[in-house]
Amino acid sequence: MGNRWTISPNPGIFPPGDRMLEKCLEQLENIICNINGVYTNKLLEKTRKE
């Protein structure tokens, strides 16, 4: 996903192959892939300082 970021569920609390975790990660991937523009860590840091 390059420099894109998101908050994802903690995979350590879900058993391997858990469908709920997989569905949530698929939804996050879909959201990220459909974002218009480029959001980088540099932009995040700039926004946090404002």
N, C-alpha and C. Protein backbone atom coordinates (compact mmCIF):
# COMPACT_ATOMS: atom_id res chain seq x y z
N MET A 1 0.81 -1.19 0.00
CA MET A 1 0.00 0.00 0.00
C MET A 1 0.86 1.25 0.00
N GLY A 2 2.12 1.10 -0.18
CA GLY A 2 2.99 2.26 -0.29
C GLY A 2 3.00 3.10 0.97
N ASN A 3 2.84 4.42 0.81
CA ASN A 3 2.85 5.33 1.95
C ASN A 3 1.47 5.58 2.53
N ARG A 4 0.49 4.83 2.12
CA ARG A 4 -0.86 4.99 2.66
C ARG A 4 -0.94 4.27 3.99
N TRP A 5 -1.81 4.76 4.87
CA TRP A 5 -1.93 4.18 6.20
C TRP A 5 -3.38 4.15 6.63
N THR A 6 -3.66 3.30 7.59
CA THR A 6 -4.98 3.19 8.19
C THR A 6 -4.83 2.49 9.53
N ILE A 7 -5.88 2.45 10.28
CA ILE A 7 -5.90 1.69 11.52
C ILE A 7 -6.61 0.39 11.21
N SER A 8 -5.98 -0.71 11.54
CA SER A 8 -6.58 -2.01 11.25
C SER A 8 -6.79 -2.78 12.55
N PRO A 9 -7.64 -3.80 12.49
CA PRO A 9 -7.84 -4.61 13.69
C PRO A 9 -6.55 -5.33 14.07
N ASN A 10 -6.40 -5.60 15.34
CA ASN A 10 -5.22 -6.31 15.84
C ASN A 10 -5.34 -7.79 15.46
N PRO A 11 -4.53 -8.25 14.50
CA PRO A 11 -4.65 -9.65 14.09
C PRO A 11 -4.26 -10.63 15.19
N GLY A 12 -3.57 -10.15 16.23
CA GLY A 12 -3.17 -11.02 17.32
C GLY A 12 -4.32 -11.50 18.18
N ILE A 13 -5.48 -10.85 18.10
CA ILE A 13 -6.61 -11.27 18.93
C ILE A 13 -7.62 -12.11 18.16
N PHE A 14 -7.36 -12.33 16.87
CA PHE A 14 -8.24 -13.15 16.05
C PHE A 14 -7.54 -14.45 15.70
N PRO A 15 -8.26 -15.57 15.67
CA PRO A 15 -7.63 -16.82 15.26
C PRO A 15 -7.28 -16.78 13.77
N PRO A 16 -6.28 -17.56 13.35
CA PRO A 16 -5.91 -17.60 11.94
C PRO A 16 -7.12 -17.95 11.06
N GLY A 17 -7.27 -17.22 9.97
CA GLY A 17 -8.37 -17.48 9.03
C GLY A 17 -9.72 -16.95 9.48
N ASP A 18 -9.75 -16.13 10.53
CA ASP A 18 -11.02 -15.59 11.03
C ASP A 18 -11.69 -14.75 9.96
N ARG A 19 -12.93 -15.10 9.62
CA ARG A 19 -13.64 -14.42 8.53
C ARG A 19 -13.92 -12.95 8.85
N MET A 20 -14.20 -12.63 10.11
CA MET A 20 -14.47 -11.24 10.49
C MET A 20 -13.24 -10.37 10.24
N LEU A 21 -12.07 -10.86 10.62
CA LEU A 21 -10.83 -10.13 10.40
C LEU A 21 -10.59 -9.94 8.90
N GLU A 22 -10.74 -11.02 8.14
CA GLU A 22 -10.53 -10.94 6.69
C GLU A 22 -11.48 -9.94 6.04
N LYS A 23 -12.74 -9.95 6.46
CA LYS A 23 -13.72 -9.02 5.89
C LYS A 23 -13.35 -7.58 6.21
N CYS A 24 -12.94 -7.32 7.44
CA CYS A 24 -12.57 -5.97 7.85
C CYS A 24 -11.35 -5.49 7.07
N LEU A 25 -10.35 -6.35 6.91
CA LEU A 25 -9.16 -5.98 6.16
C LEU A 25 -9.48 -5.74 4.69
N GLU A 26 -10.40 -6.52 4.12
CA GLU A 26 -10.83 -6.29 2.74
C GLU A 26 -11.52 -4.93 2.61
N GLN A 27 -12.35 -4.58 3.58
CA GLN A 27 -13.03 -3.28 3.55
C GLN A 27 -12.02 -2.14 3.65
N LEU A 28 -11.03 -2.28 4.53
CA LEU A 28 -9.99 -1.25 4.65
C LEU A 28 -9.20 -1.10 3.36
N GLU A 29 -8.86 -2.23 2.75
CA GLU A 29 -8.13 -2.18 1.48
C GLU A 29 -8.95 -1.46 0.42
N ASN A 30 -10.23 -1.74 0.36
CA ASN A 30 -11.12 -1.09 -0.60
C ASN A 30 -11.18 0.42 -0.37
N ILE A 31 -11.29 0.82 0.89
CA ILE A 31 -11.33 2.25 1.22
C ILE A 31 -10.03 2.92 0.79
N ILE A 32 -8.91 2.30 1.14
CA ILE A 32 -7.61 2.88 0.81
C ILE A 32 -7.42 2.98 -0.69
N CYS A 33 -7.77 1.95 -1.41
CA CYS A 33 -7.57 1.95 -2.87
C CYS A 33 -8.45 2.98 -3.57
N ASN A 34 -9.52 3.40 -2.94
CA ASN A 34 -10.43 4.35 -3.57
C ASN A 34 -10.25 5.78 -3.08
N ILE A 35 -9.21 6.05 -2.30
CA ILE A 35 -8.93 7.41 -1.84
C ILE A 35 -8.41 8.21 -3.02
N ASN A 36 -8.97 9.39 -3.21
CA ASN A 36 -8.46 10.30 -4.23
C ASN A 36 -7.30 11.08 -3.64
N GLY A 37 -6.21 11.15 -4.35
CA GLY A 37 -5.06 11.90 -3.87
C GLY A 37 -4.04 11.00 -3.20
N VAL A 38 -2.98 11.60 -2.75
CA VAL A 38 -1.89 10.87 -2.10
C VAL A 38 -1.76 11.39 -0.67
N TYR A 39 -1.85 10.48 0.28
CA TYR A 39 -1.70 10.84 1.68
C TYR A 39 -0.47 10.13 2.21
N THR A 40 0.52 10.88 2.65
CA THR A 40 1.78 10.31 3.11
C THR A 40 1.98 10.58 4.59
N ASN A 41 3.00 9.95 5.15
CA ASN A 41 3.35 10.22 6.55
C ASN A 41 3.70 11.68 6.75
N LYS A 42 4.36 12.29 5.77
CA LYS A 42 4.72 13.70 5.86
C LYS A 42 3.47 14.57 5.98
N LEU A 43 2.45 14.28 5.21
CA LEU A 43 1.19 15.02 5.28
C LEU A 43 0.52 14.80 6.64
N LEU A 44 0.56 13.58 7.15
CA LEU A 44 0.00 13.29 8.46
C LEU A 44 0.68 14.12 9.54
N GLU A 45 2.00 14.14 9.53
CA GLU A 45 2.75 14.91 10.54
C GLU A 45 2.43 16.40 10.44
N LYS A 46 2.33 16.91 9.24
CA LYS A 46 1.99 18.33 9.04
C LYS A 46 0.61 18.62 9.63
N THR A 47 -0.34 17.75 9.35
CA THR A 47 -1.71 17.94 9.85
C THR A 47 -1.75 17.85 11.37
N ARG A 48 -1.00 16.95 11.95
CA ARG A 48 -0.99 16.79 13.40
C ARG A 48 -0.42 18.02 14.10
N LYS A 49 0.51 18.72 13.45
CA LYS A 49 1.12 19.91 14.05
C LYS A 49 0.19 21.11 14.02
N GLU A 50 -0.78 21.10 13.11
CA GLU A 50 -1.68 22.26 12.96
C GLU A 50 -2.74 22.31 14.01
